[in-house]
Amino acid sequence: MAPTPRVLIFGTGSIGATYAFVLSRALPASNIVTVCRSNYDSASKDGFTINSSLWGQNQKVRPVVVRSVDEAAESDPAPFDYVVVCSKALPTVPSTAEMIKPAISPQTTIVLIQNGIAIEEPYAKLYPNNPLLSTVVYLPASQTSPGVILHKEVELLHIGSYPSSSSTEPAKEFANLVKAGGGTAEVHQDIQFERWSKLLVNASWNPMCALSRSADAQLLKSTPEAKGLVREVMLEIAAVANSCGYKSIDSALVDFQLGRATIRELPGVTPSMQADALAGRNMEVEAIVGNVLKVGKEHGVETPMLRTIYVLAAALNSSFSYGS
């Protein structure tokens, strides 16, 4: 019988805590180590509480809770089979890829549960011999108080190996672990289509809602010009995806995604970047918007609308560090 996997979760906010709960239904909680920051005191004392329309209310999980990857590595010499990165994809110094280094061994599979596009390469360069899984998550969850997670009705994790030419076996193994805990997972040979598909929504609504301080339905109903503007931005994102070979990211998909927001009742959905902006927190501007511009430039695709939004969102993001 194979030994029970050990898992480190880096970034145990709403997404990380929810997957700590899911994995705890397949593994002993003592095999799951969570790196916490602002919720450390609560999590170390009481664990996490998940209130979910899928799995029920007041679901408890008590993994091992640490403040840093160094502490996780020093507390137990046994290697980690999985390091699951659930933190925001921010350009930190040192980078997240560097910060997880103490937990990486030759047998470790790295799993990225993060937003954005073109985020994998720093990990691939630092750990060329470790399996690297890139994922796209659909999980409406929020941390209502430290260590307490509210999760609504959807949970789906798309998983693929990076690069796409790699074996899908590590992806299948992690998917089976998620499924054993009652989660939902789909394995793809090329995960980047799923990334671009989600980015069509994220790179348009996220910065525009943050800049306007409006949920998506509020933005759409603010002026007759709004719907056309959002569509133009989405089409620019689709053009970049097309230049990378993902032709199914097309105008029909744009209209479908736009239609979903059009029929929502006010106020609509508040994207994560808007929530971060309202709280004065760092936003994932580079991973979600800036990297689309970079990829577009590499392929000779003009994105004037998205470029304008990027500059404004980056300026807003910078303003959070200025102080009062």
Protein backbone atom coordinates (compact mmCIF):
# COMPACT_ATOMS: atom_id res chain seq x y z
CA MET A 1 0.00 0.00 0.00
CA ALA A 2 1.32 3.44 -0.93
CA PRO A 3 2.01 5.82 1.97
CA THR A 4 -0.64 8.44 2.72
CA PRO A 5 0.24 11.70 0.95
CA ARG A 6 1.36 14.77 2.88
CA VAL A 7 0.06 18.11 1.64
CA LEU A 8 1.21 21.68 2.26
CA ILE A 9 -1.27 24.45 1.43
CA PHE A 10 0.40 27.82 0.88
CA GLY A 11 -2.13 30.61 1.27
CA THR A 12 -4.99 29.38 3.42
CA GLY A 13 -7.69 31.94 2.74
CA SER A 14 -11.13 30.98 1.48
CA ILE A 15 -9.91 28.75 -1.38
CA GLY A 16 -7.06 27.15 0.55
CA ALA A 17 -9.21 26.46 3.61
CA THR A 18 -11.97 24.93 1.49
CA TYR A 19 -9.54 22.53 -0.16
CA ALA A 20 -7.98 21.74 3.22
CA PHE A 21 -11.48 20.62 4.23
CA VAL A 22 -11.99 18.62 1.02
CA LEU A 23 -8.61 16.89 1.33
CA SER A 24 -9.23 16.17 5.03
CA ARG A 25 -12.05 13.85 3.96
CA ALA A 26 -9.51 11.79 2.01
CA LEU A 27 -6.46 12.17 4.28
CA PRO A 28 -5.80 12.46 8.01
CA ALA A 29 -5.93 16.15 8.97
CA SER A 30 -2.48 15.69 10.51
CA ASN A 31 -1.14 15.11 6.97
CA ILE A 32 -2.35 18.55 5.85
CA VAL A 33 -0.21 21.55 6.79
CA THR A 34 -1.61 25.03 6.17
CA VAL A 35 0.44 28.23 5.97
CA CYS A 36 -1.65 31.05 7.43
CA ARG A 37 -1.11 34.77 7.89
CA SER A 38 -3.94 37.04 9.05
CA ASN A 39 -6.06 34.08 10.19
CA TYR A 40 -3.21 32.27 11.98
CA ASP A 41 -4.40 32.92 15.55
CA SER A 42 -7.93 31.73 14.85
CA ALA A 43 -6.93 28.75 12.72
CA SER A 44 -4.25 27.54 15.14
CA LYS A 45 -6.74 27.67 18.01
CA ASP A 46 -9.98 26.48 16.40
CA GLY A 47 -9.12 25.18 12.93
CA PHE A 48 -11.41 26.15 10.05
CA THR A 49 -15.19 26.18 9.84
CA ILE A 50 -16.79 25.66 6.43
CA ASN A 51 -20.40 26.73 5.90
CA SER A 52 -21.27 25.24 2.54
CA SER A 53 -24.43 24.74 0.54
CA LEU A 54 -22.73 21.66 -0.94
CA TRP A 55 -21.26 19.98 2.14
CA GLY A 56 -23.34 21.42 4.95
CA GLN A 57 -23.03 23.99 7.69
CA ASN A 58 -20.49 24.12 10.52
CA GLN A 59 -18.10 21.64 8.90
CA LYS A 60 -14.86 21.56 10.90
CA VAL A 61 -11.31 20.80 9.82
CA ARG A 62 -8.22 21.04 12.02
CA PRO A 63 -5.07 20.70 9.93
CA VAL A 64 -1.59 21.55 11.16
CA VAL A 65 -1.30 25.35 11.13
CA VAL A 66 2.01 27.19 10.66
CA ARG A 67 3.12 30.75 9.94
CA SER A 68 5.66 29.97 7.22
CA VAL A 69 6.98 27.32 4.85
CA ASP A 70 10.20 27.24 6.88
CA GLU A 71 8.23 26.35 9.99
CA ALA A 72 6.38 23.63 8.09
CA ALA A 73 9.61 22.10 6.82
CA GLU A 74 11.36 22.28 10.20
CA SER A 75 8.47 20.85 12.22
CA ASP A 76 8.48 17.51 10.40
CA PRO A 77 11.30 16.15 8.20
CA ALA A 78 8.91 13.97 6.17
CA PRO A 79 8.68 15.27 2.59
CA PHE A 80 5.53 16.78 1.13
CA ASP A 81 3.91 14.93 -1.75
CA TYR A 82 1.95 18.05 -2.75
CA VAL A 83 2.54 21.75 -2.30
CA VAL A 84 -0.72 23.48 -3.20
CA VAL A 85 -0.35 27.22 -3.87
CA CYS A 86 -3.63 29.05 -3.17
CA SER A 87 -2.26 32.52 -2.48
CA LYS A 88 -3.03 35.46 -4.75
CA ALA A 89 -0.75 35.61 -7.81
CA LEU A 90 1.17 38.74 -6.82
CA PRO A 91 4.65 39.91 -7.92
CA THR A 92 6.28 39.61 -4.48
CA VAL A 93 9.95 39.67 -3.48
CA PRO A 94 10.91 36.94 -2.89
CA SER A 95 8.50 35.32 -5.31
CA THR A 96 5.98 32.71 -4.23
CA ALA A 97 7.96 30.15 -6.22
CA GLU A 98 11.01 30.97 -4.09
CA MET A 99 9.06 31.03 -0.82
CA ILE A 100 7.87 27.43 -1.16
CA LYS A 101 11.41 26.08 -1.75
CA PRO A 102 11.94 24.65 1.79
CA ALA A 103 8.95 22.33 1.22
CA ILE A 104 10.02 21.01 -2.18
CA SER A 105 11.64 17.59 -2.41
CA PRO A 106 12.28 15.35 -5.45
CA GLN A 107 8.89 13.67 -4.87
CA THR A 108 6.84 16.87 -4.57
CA THR A 109 4.12 17.76 -7.07
CA ILE A 110 3.43 21.52 -7.20
CA VAL A 111 -0.22 22.54 -7.69
CA LEU A 112 -1.14 26.12 -8.65
CA ILE A 113 -4.70 27.10 -7.72
CA GLN A 114 -4.34 30.71 -8.83
CA ASN A 115 -5.91 33.15 -11.26
CA GLY A 116 -4.35 34.67 -14.35
CA ILE A 117 -2.35 33.61 -17.37
CA ALA A 118 1.36 32.85 -17.88
CA ILE A 119 1.90 32.30 -14.15
CA GLU A 120 3.57 28.88 -14.33
CA GLU A 121 7.01 29.65 -15.73
CA PRO A 122 8.70 30.83 -12.47
CA TYR A 123 7.85 27.48 -10.89
CA ALA A 124 8.90 25.50 -13.97
CA LYS A 125 12.28 27.25 -14.03
CA LEU A 126 13.00 26.77 -10.32
CA TYR A 127 11.75 23.17 -10.16
CA PRO A 128 12.28 21.66 -13.62
CA ASN A 129 12.23 18.08 -12.33
CA ASN A 130 9.04 18.34 -10.27
CA PRO A 131 5.58 17.71 -11.72
CA LEU A 132 3.79 21.05 -12.05
CA LEU A 133 -0.01 21.21 -12.18
CA SER A 134 -1.83 24.32 -13.36
CA THR A 135 -5.48 24.58 -12.39
CA VAL A 136 -8.57 26.71 -12.94
CA VAL A 137 -10.98 26.81 -10.01
CA TYR A 138 -14.65 27.71 -9.85
CA LEU A 139 -15.38 28.08 -6.15
CA PRO A 140 -17.48 30.99 -4.86
CA ALA A 141 -16.12 31.23 -1.33
CA SER A 142 -15.32 34.04 1.08
CA GLN A 143 -13.79 34.28 4.53
CA THR A 144 -16.51 35.95 6.60
CA SER A 145 -14.30 36.08 9.70
CA PRO A 146 -10.85 34.62 10.43
CA GLY A 147 -11.01 30.88 9.83
CA VAL A 148 -14.72 30.87 8.90
CA ILE A 149 -15.54 30.22 5.23
CA LEU A 150 -18.83 30.74 3.43
CA HIS A 151 -19.04 28.54 0.32
CA LYS A 152 -21.88 28.62 -2.18
CA GLU A 153 -23.12 25.91 -4.50
CA VAL A 154 -20.30 25.45 -7.07
CA GLU A 155 -16.98 23.62 -6.74
CA LEU A 156 -15.00 22.56 -9.80
CA LEU A 157 -11.25 22.24 -10.29
CA HIS A 158 -9.87 21.94 -13.84
CA ILE A 159 -6.39 20.39 -13.71
CA GLY A 160 -3.63 20.05 -16.30
CA SER A 161 0.10 19.39 -16.32
CA TYR A 162 2.48 22.17 -17.30
CA PRO A 163 3.72 22.24 -19.95
CA SER A 164 0.90 20.54 -21.84
CA SER A 165 3.37 18.09 -23.35
CA SER A 166 3.94 16.62 -19.88
CA SER A 167 2.34 13.42 -18.65
CA THR A 168 -1.19 13.75 -17.31
CA GLU A 169 -0.58 11.07 -14.66
CA PRO A 170 0.26 13.56 -11.86
CA ALA A 171 -2.89 15.52 -12.76
CA LYS A 172 -4.99 12.36 -12.62
CA GLU A 173 -3.51 11.39 -9.25
CA PHE A 174 -4.30 14.78 -7.72
CA ALA A 175 -7.77 14.77 -9.27
CA ASN A 176 -8.44 11.39 -7.69
CA LEU A 177 -7.38 12.78 -4.31
CA VAL A 178 -9.76 15.72 -4.67
CA LYS A 179 -12.58 13.40 -5.74
CA ALA A 180 -11.90 11.08 -2.80
CA GLY A 181 -12.61 14.06 -0.55
CA GLY A 182 -15.91 14.81 -2.26
CA GLY A 183 -14.61 17.49 -4.59
CA THR A 184 -15.06 17.76 -8.34
CA ALA A 185 -12.08 17.66 -10.71
CA GLU A 186 -11.57 17.42 -14.46
CA VAL A 187 -8.22 16.61 -16.08
CA HIS A 188 -7.13 18.29 -19.32
CA GLN A 189 -4.19 17.64 -21.61
CA ASP A 190 -3.94 21.40 -22.19
CA ILE A 191 -5.23 23.49 -19.29
CA GLN A 192 -4.55 26.81 -21.02
CA PHE A 193 -7.88 26.80 -22.87
CA GLU A 194 -9.61 26.73 -19.48
CA ARG A 195 -7.35 29.53 -18.26
CA TRP A 196 -8.19 31.73 -21.26
CA SER A 197 -11.89 30.92 -20.92
CA LYS A 198 -11.96 32.13 -17.31
CA LEU A 199 -9.68 35.05 -18.14
CA LEU A 200 -12.22 36.32 -20.66
CA VAL A 201 -14.37 37.15 -17.63
CA ASN A 202 -11.64 37.91 -15.09
CA ALA A 203 -9.53 40.30 -17.17
CA SER A 204 -12.57 42.33 -18.22
CA TRP A 205 -14.93 42.47 -15.24
CA ASN A 206 -12.33 42.44 -12.46
CA PRO A 207 -10.50 45.69 -13.27
CA MET A 208 -13.56 47.53 -14.57
CA CYS A 209 -15.59 46.72 -11.48
CA ALA A 210 -12.65 47.67 -9.25
CA LEU A 211 -12.15 50.99 -11.03
CA SER A 212 -15.86 51.84 -11.02
CA ARG A 213 -16.53 50.48 -7.51
CA SER A 214 -19.51 48.70 -9.07
CA ALA A 215 -20.64 45.08 -9.31
CA ASP A 216 -21.06 43.74 -12.84
CA ALA A 217 -24.81 44.37 -13.19
CA GLN A 218 -24.42 47.85 -11.73
CA LEU A 219 -21.73 48.64 -14.27
CA LEU A 220 -23.83 47.35 -17.17
CA LYS A 221 -26.83 49.42 -16.14
CA SER A 222 -24.84 52.60 -15.48
CA THR A 223 -24.95 53.83 -19.10
CA PRO A 224 -26.05 52.53 -22.52
CA GLU A 225 -22.37 52.56 -23.53
CA ALA A 226 -21.30 50.07 -20.86
CA LYS A 227 -22.26 46.80 -22.55
CA GLY A 228 -20.44 47.70 -25.76
CA LEU A 229 -17.33 48.68 -23.82
CA VAL A 230 -17.22 45.41 -21.91
CA ARG A 231 -17.71 43.47 -25.15
CA GLU A 232 -14.84 45.32 -26.86
CA VAL A 233 -12.50 44.49 -23.98
CA MET A 234 -13.56 40.84 -24.05
CA LEU A 235 -12.94 40.68 -27.79
CA GLU A 236 -9.41 42.00 -27.28
CA ILE A 237 -8.76 39.24 -24.73
CA ALA A 238 -10.21 36.71 -27.18
CA ALA A 239 -7.88 38.00 -29.91
CA VAL A 240 -4.86 37.35 -27.69
CA ALA A 241 -6.15 33.85 -26.88
CA ASN A 242 -6.65 33.22 -30.61
CA SER A 243 -3.05 34.26 -31.30
CA CYS A 244 -1.97 31.53 -28.89
CA GLY A 245 -3.98 28.94 -30.83
CA TYR A 246 -7.19 28.90 -28.79
CA LYS A 247 -9.66 29.69 -31.56
CA SER A 248 -12.69 28.57 -29.51
CA ILE A 249 -12.31 31.68 -27.38
CA ASP A 250 -14.49 33.53 -29.89
CA SER A 251 -17.25 36.11 -30.21
CA ALA A 252 -19.91 33.51 -29.42
CA LEU A 253 -18.24 32.80 -26.07
CA VAL A 254 -17.87 36.54 -25.48
CA ASP A 255 -21.60 37.06 -26.05
CA PHE A 256 -22.45 34.09 -23.83
CA GLN A 257 -20.36 35.42 -20.94
CA LEU A 258 -21.69 38.94 -21.40
CA GLY A 259 -25.23 37.60 -21.48
CA ARG A 260 -24.77 35.94 -18.09
CA ALA A 261 -24.08 39.31 -16.49
CA THR A 262 -26.82 41.07 -18.49
CA ILE A 263 -29.61 38.99 -16.96
CA ARG A 264 -28.41 39.32 -13.36
CA GLU A 265 -30.48 41.33 -10.94
CA LEU A 266 -28.87 44.33 -9.28
CA PRO A 267 -26.33 44.68 -7.85
CA GLY A 268 -24.87 41.61 -9.58
CA VAL A 269 -21.58 39.87 -8.82
CA THR A 270 -18.71 41.59 -6.99
CA PRO A 271 -15.44 40.29 -8.53
CA SER A 272 -12.45 39.60 -6.29
CA MET A 273 -10.49 42.57 -7.59
CA GLN A 274 -13.33 44.93 -6.70
CA ALA A 275 -13.52 43.44 -3.19
CA ASP A 276 -9.76 43.90 -2.83
CA ALA A 277 -9.95 47.49 -4.07
CA LEU A 278 -12.75 48.41 -1.66
CA ALA A 279 -10.66 46.96 1.19
CA GLY A 280 -7.44 48.63 0.03
CA ARG A 281 -5.73 45.27 -0.59
CA ASN A 282 -3.26 44.40 -3.34
CA MET A 283 -4.99 43.26 -6.52
CA GLU A 284 -3.85 40.62 -9.03
CA VAL A 285 -3.40 43.23 -11.76
CA GLU A 286 -0.30 41.73 -13.37
CA ALA A 287 -1.41 38.08 -13.42
CA ILE A 288 -4.93 38.82 -14.65
CA VAL A 289 -4.49 41.90 -16.89
CA GLY A 290 -0.82 42.75 -17.35
CA ASN A 291 0.16 39.29 -18.54
CA VAL A 292 -2.53 39.41 -21.24
CA LEU A 293 -0.90 42.59 -22.58
CA LYS A 294 2.53 40.93 -22.53
CA VAL A 295 1.31 37.86 -24.39
CA GLY A 296 -0.51 40.10 -26.87
CA LYS A 297 2.65 42.12 -27.57
CA GLU A 298 4.64 38.91 -28.09
CA HIS A 299 2.11 37.86 -30.75
CA GLY A 300 1.62 41.28 -32.32
CA VAL A 301 -1.96 41.74 -31.07
CA GLU A 302 -3.10 45.29 -30.34
CA THR A 303 -5.15 45.70 -27.14
CA PRO A 304 -5.75 49.46 -26.71
CA MET A 305 -8.84 49.13 -24.51
CA LEU A 306 -7.24 46.59 -22.19
CA ARG A 307 -4.02 48.64 -22.12
CA THR A 308 -5.96 51.67 -20.83
CA ILE A 309 -7.71 49.60 -18.18
CA TYR A 310 -4.40 48.03 -17.14
CA VAL A 311 -2.68 51.39 -16.61
CA LEU A 312 -5.59 52.68 -14.51
CA ALA A 313 -5.87 49.47 -12.48
CA ALA A 314 -2.10 49.41 -11.87
CA ALA A 315 -2.23 53.03 -10.67
CA LEU A 316 -5.13 52.22 -8.34
CA ASN A 317 -3.21 49.22 -7.02
CA SER A 318 -0.11 51.35 -6.38
CA SER A 319 -2.19 53.91 -4.49
CA PHE A 320 -2.89 51.40 -1.73
CA SER A 321 0.76 51.60 -0.64
CA TYR A 322 0.89 55.40 -0.50
CA GLY A 323 -0.76 55.66 2.91
CA SER A 324 -3.09 58.40 3.99
